[in-house]
C-alpha cells in the first residue's frame, strides 16, 4: 500500500461553498445527495471521513484553484483510505466513489483534449 500523506490542506468555508455550487452545475449526479449547508459545514469542519473530503476535493479543487497539482494526491489518498475502511457498508464510500469517477472522467477528457490539440500533458492517478 502506498503511503498516505497525513493531513491535506482543506479549503476555506467560502471556497468550499463556491466549489459545491460549481460541482452541482458540472457534476450534478455526484451532488444529488448533498444538502448544501450541511455538506459545506461538514467538509469545512471535517465531520465527513477523510476519504470523502479528499474525494470531493479531487474533483472540485480545480474550480477554485488553478493549481491542479493536488488533484491526484487527493484522489490517491481517498482511494487508499477507502481500501482500509472497516465499514464497507457506509453510503459515504459510494458517494466518494462517485466523486472519484468524476475526477477520473475529467482527467481522461483532459488527456483526450490535450492529445487532440497536440499538447502532451502527463496526467497521473
C-alpha atoms as a PDB file:
ATOM      1  CA  UNK A   1       0.000   0.000   0.000  1.00  0.00           C
ATOM      2  CA  UNK A   2       1.313   3.439  -0.857  1.00  0.00           C
ATOM      3  CA  UNK A   3       1.896   5.979   1.836  1.00  0.00           C
ATOM      4  CA  UNK A   4      -0.963   8.321   2.655  1.00  0.00           C
ATOM      5  CA  UNK A   5       0.040  11.868   3.426  1.00  0.00           C
ATOM      6  CA  UNK A   6      -1.264  12.784   6.874  1.00  0.00           C
ATOM      7  CA  UNK A   7      -3.263  15.984   6.561  1.00  0.00           C
ATOM      8  CA  UNK A   8      -4.005  17.518   3.217  1.00  0.00           C
ATOM      9  CA  UNK A   9      -4.997  21.186   3.176  1.00  0.00           C
ATOM     10  CA  UNK A  10      -8.726  21.935   3.269  1.00  0.00           C
ATOM     11  CA  UNK A  11     -10.227  24.994   1.603  1.00  0.00           C
ATOM     12  CA  UNK A  12     -11.768  27.973   3.358  1.00  0.00           C
ATOM     13  CA  UNK A  13     -15.509  27.897   4.002  1.00  0.00           C
ATOM     14  CA  UNK A  14     -16.086  30.394   1.172  1.00  0.00           C
ATOM     15  CA  UNK A  15     -14.070  28.299  -1.279  1.00  0.00           C
ATOM     16  CA  UNK A  16     -15.893  25.116  -0.238  1.00  0.00           C
ATOM     17  CA  UNK A  17     -19.193  26.888  -0.832  1.00  0.00           C
ATOM     18  CA  UNK A  18     -18.097  28.089  -4.292  1.00  0.00           C
ATOM     19  CA  UNK A  19     -16.796  24.625  -5.135  1.00  0.00           C
ATOM     20  CA  UNK A  20     -20.028  22.940  -4.021  1.00  0.00           C
ATOM     21  CA  UNK A  21     -22.199  25.149  -6.200  1.00  0.00           C
ATOM     22  CA  UNK A  22     -19.900  24.718  -9.196  1.00  0.00           C
ATOM     23  CA  UNK A  23     -19.888  20.939  -8.700  1.00  0.00           C
ATOM     24  CA  UNK A  24     -23.686  20.988  -8.602  1.00  0.00           C
ATOM     25  CA  UNK A  25     -23.648  22.564 -12.065  1.00  0.00           C
ATOM     26  CA  UNK A  26     -20.923  20.425 -13.626  1.00  0.00           C
ATOM     27  CA  UNK A  27     -21.244  17.057 -11.804  1.00  0.00           C
ATOM     28  CA  UNK A  28     -24.919  17.028 -10.939  1.00  0.00           C
ATOM     29  CA  UNK A  29     -25.162  13.269 -10.380  1.00  0.00           C
ATOM     30  CA  UNK A  30     -22.400  13.347  -7.763  1.00  0.00           C
ATOM     31  CA  UNK A  31     -24.059  16.238  -5.931  1.00  0.00           C
ATOM     32  CA  UNK A  32     -27.638  14.912  -5.821  1.00  0.00           C
ATOM     33  CA  UNK A  33     -27.372  13.685  -2.185  1.00  0.00           C
ATOM     34  CA  UNK A  34     -25.892  16.997  -0.974  1.00  0.00           C
ATOM     35  CA  UNK A  35     -27.828  19.242   1.356  1.00  0.00           C
ATOM     36  CA  UNK A  36     -25.733  22.322   0.777  1.00  0.00           C
ATOM     37  CA  UNK A  37     -25.487  23.939   4.226  1.00  0.00           C
ATOM     38  CA  UNK A  38     -24.668  20.599   5.868  1.00  0.00           C
ATOM     39  CA  UNK A  39     -22.392  19.495   3.020  1.00  0.00           C
ATOM     40  CA  UNK A  40     -20.336  22.701   3.225  1.00  0.00           C
ATOM     41  CA  UNK A  41     -20.194  22.712   7.044  1.00  0.00           C
ATOM     42  CA  UNK A  42     -19.321  19.011   7.257  1.00  0.00           C
ATOM     43  CA  UNK A  43     -16.427  19.365   4.826  1.00  0.00           C
ATOM     44  CA  UNK A  44     -15.125  22.529   6.469  1.00  0.00           C
ATOM     45  CA  UNK A  45     -15.416  21.129   9.998  1.00  0.00           C
ATOM     46  CA  UNK A  46     -14.047  17.740   8.886  1.00  0.00           C
ATOM     47  CA  UNK A  47     -17.167  15.874  10.036  1.00  0.00           C
ATOM     48  CA  UNK A  48     -17.102  13.670   6.942  1.00  0.00           C
ATOM     49  CA  UNK A  49     -14.455  10.929   6.821  1.00  0.00           C
ATOM     50  CA  UNK A  50     -11.150  11.987   5.294  1.00  0.00           C
ATOM     51  CA  UNK A  51     -11.638   9.704   2.291  1.00  0.00           C
ATOM     52  CA  UNK A  52     -14.858  11.531   1.429  1.00  0.00           C
ATOM     53  CA  UNK A  53     -13.379  15.014   1.847  1.00  0.00           C
ATOM     54  CA  UNK A  54     -10.374  14.069  -0.292  1.00  0.00           C
ATOM     55  CA  UNK A  55     -12.616  12.564  -2.982  1.00  0.00           C
ATOM     56  CA  UNK A  56     -14.688  15.755  -3.169  1.00  0.00           C
ATOM     57  CA  UNK A  57     -11.567  17.907  -3.293  1.00  0.00           C
ATOM     58  CA  UNK A  58     -10.019  15.738  -6.023  1.00  0.00           C
ATOM     59  CA  UNK A  59     -12.971  16.609  -8.234  1.00  0.00           C
ATOM     60  CA  UNK A  60     -13.608  20.194  -7.203  1.00  0.00           C
ATOM     61  CA  UNK A  61     -10.286  21.835  -6.328  1.00  0.00           C
ATOM     62  CA  UNK A  62      -9.630  22.803  -9.958  1.00  0.00           C
ATOM     63  CA  UNK A  63     -12.700  25.054  -9.957  1.00  0.00           C
ATOM     64  CA  UNK A  64     -11.326  27.121  -7.072  1.00  0.00           C
ATOM     65  CA  UNK A  65      -7.584  26.934  -7.561  1.00  0.00           C
ATOM     66  CA  UNK A  66      -5.773  26.963 -10.914  1.00  0.00           C
ATOM     67  CA  UNK A  67      -3.012  24.810  -9.427  1.00  0.00           C
ATOM     68  CA  UNK A  68      -4.076  21.273 -10.342  1.00  0.00           C
ATOM     69  CA  UNK A  69      -1.107  19.594  -8.643  1.00  0.00           C
ATOM     70  CA  UNK A  70      -3.142  18.447  -5.624  1.00  0.00           C
ATOM     71  CA  UNK A  71      -5.949  16.689  -7.553  1.00  0.00           C
ATOM     72  CA  UNK A  72      -4.097  13.413  -7.974  1.00  0.00           C
ATOM     73  CA  UNK A  73      -2.844  13.476  -4.379  1.00  0.00           C
ATOM     74  CA  UNK A  74      -6.369  13.944  -3.049  1.00  0.00           C
ATOM     75  CA  UNK A  75      -7.658  11.134  -5.290  1.00  0.00           C
ATOM     76  CA  UNK A  76      -4.876   8.712  -4.349  1.00  0.00           C
ATOM     77  CA  UNK A  77      -5.309   9.394  -0.641  1.00  0.00           C
ATOM     78  CA  UNK A  78      -9.084   8.959  -0.911  1.00  0.00           C
ATOM     79  CA  UNK A  79      -8.619   5.579  -2.605  1.00  0.00           C
ATOM     80  CA  UNK A  80      -6.085   4.403  -0.051  1.00  0.00           C
ATOM     81  CA  UNK A  81      -8.345   5.419   2.835  1.00  0.00           C
ATOM     82  CA  UNK A  82     -11.343   3.699   1.211  1.00  0.00           C
ATOM     83  CA  UNK A  83      -9.300   0.493   0.864  1.00  0.00           C
ATOM     84  CA  UNK A  84      -8.577   0.406   4.590  1.00  0.00           C
ATOM     85  CA  UNK A  85     -12.082   1.483   5.673  1.00  0.00           C
ATOM     86  CA  UNK A  86     -13.559  -1.141   8.006  1.00  0.00           C
ATOM     87  CA  UNK A  87     -17.236  -0.312   7.441  1.00  0.00           C
ATOM     88  CA  UNK A  88     -17.686  -1.022   3.742  1.00  0.00           C
ATOM     89  CA  UNK A  89     -21.460  -0.587   4.040  1.00  0.00           C
ATOM     90  CA  UNK A  90     -21.166   3.149   4.707  1.00  0.00           C
ATOM     91  CA  UNK A  91     -23.008   5.015   1.904  1.00  0.00           C
ATOM     92  CA  UNK A  92     -20.342   7.727   2.003  1.00  0.00           C
ATOM     93  CA  UNK A  93     -17.978   5.242   0.341  1.00  0.00           C
ATOM     94  CA  UNK A  94     -20.282   5.006  -2.661  1.00  0.00           C
ATOM     95  CA  UNK A  95     -20.698   8.770  -2.743  1.00  0.00           C
ATOM     96  CA  UNK A  96     -16.919   9.251  -2.536  1.00  0.00           C
ATOM     97  CA  UNK A  97     -16.506   6.817  -5.425  1.00  0.00           C
ATOM     98  CA  UNK A  98     -18.891   8.939  -7.487  1.00  0.00           C
ATOM     99  CA  UNK A  99     -16.595  11.922  -6.947  1.00  0.00           C
ATOM    100  CA  UNK A 100     -13.542   9.824  -7.826  1.00  0.00           C
ATOM    101  CA  UNK A 101     -15.238   8.676 -11.034  1.00  0.00           C
ATOM    102  CA  UNK A 102     -15.944  12.324 -11.856  1.00  0.00           C
ATOM    103  CA  UNK A 103     -12.279  13.126 -11.204  1.00  0.00           C
ATOM    104  CA  UNK A 104     -11.039  10.330 -13.477  1.00  0.00           C
ATOM    105  CA  UNK A 105     -13.520  11.306 -16.189  1.00  0.00           C
ATOM    106  CA  UNK A 106     -12.230  14.876 -16.078  1.00  0.00           C
ATOM    107  CA  UNK A 107      -8.614  13.695 -16.257  1.00  0.00           C
ATOM    108  CA  UNK A 108      -9.434  11.326 -19.111  1.00  0.00           C
ATOM    109  CA  UNK A 109     -11.249  14.069 -21.044  1.00  0.00           C
ATOM    110  CA  UNK A 110      -8.338  16.442 -20.446  1.00  0.00           C
ATOM    111  CA  UNK A 111      -5.933  13.825 -21.826  1.00  0.00           C
ATOM    112  CA  UNK A 112      -8.026  13.340 -24.958  1.00  0.00           C
ATOM    113  CA  UNK A 113      -8.344  17.084 -25.463  1.00  0.00           C
ATOM    114  CA  UNK A 114      -4.611  17.592 -24.893  1.00  0.00           C
ATOM    115  CA  UNK A 115      -3.661  14.890 -27.370  1.00  0.00           C
ATOM    116  CA  UNK A 116      -6.119  16.166 -29.964  1.00  0.00           C
ATOM    117  CA  UNK A 117      -4.557  19.638 -29.724  1.00  0.00           C
ATOM    118  CA  UNK A 118      -1.008  18.289 -29.867  1.00  0.00           C
ATOM    119  CA  UNK A 119      -0.323  19.036 -26.207  1.00  0.00           C
ATOM    120  CA  UNK A 120       1.125  16.010 -24.469  1.00  0.00           C
ATOM    121  CA  UNK A 121       0.432  16.635 -20.802  1.00  0.00           C
ATOM    122  CA  UNK A 122       1.266  13.950 -18.277  1.00  0.00           C
ATOM    123  CA  UNK A 123      -1.673  13.115 -16.012  1.00  0.00           C
ATOM    124  CA  UNK A 124      -1.243  10.649 -13.169  1.00  0.00           C
ATOM    125  CA  UNK A 125      -3.676   8.883 -10.950  1.00  0.00           C
END
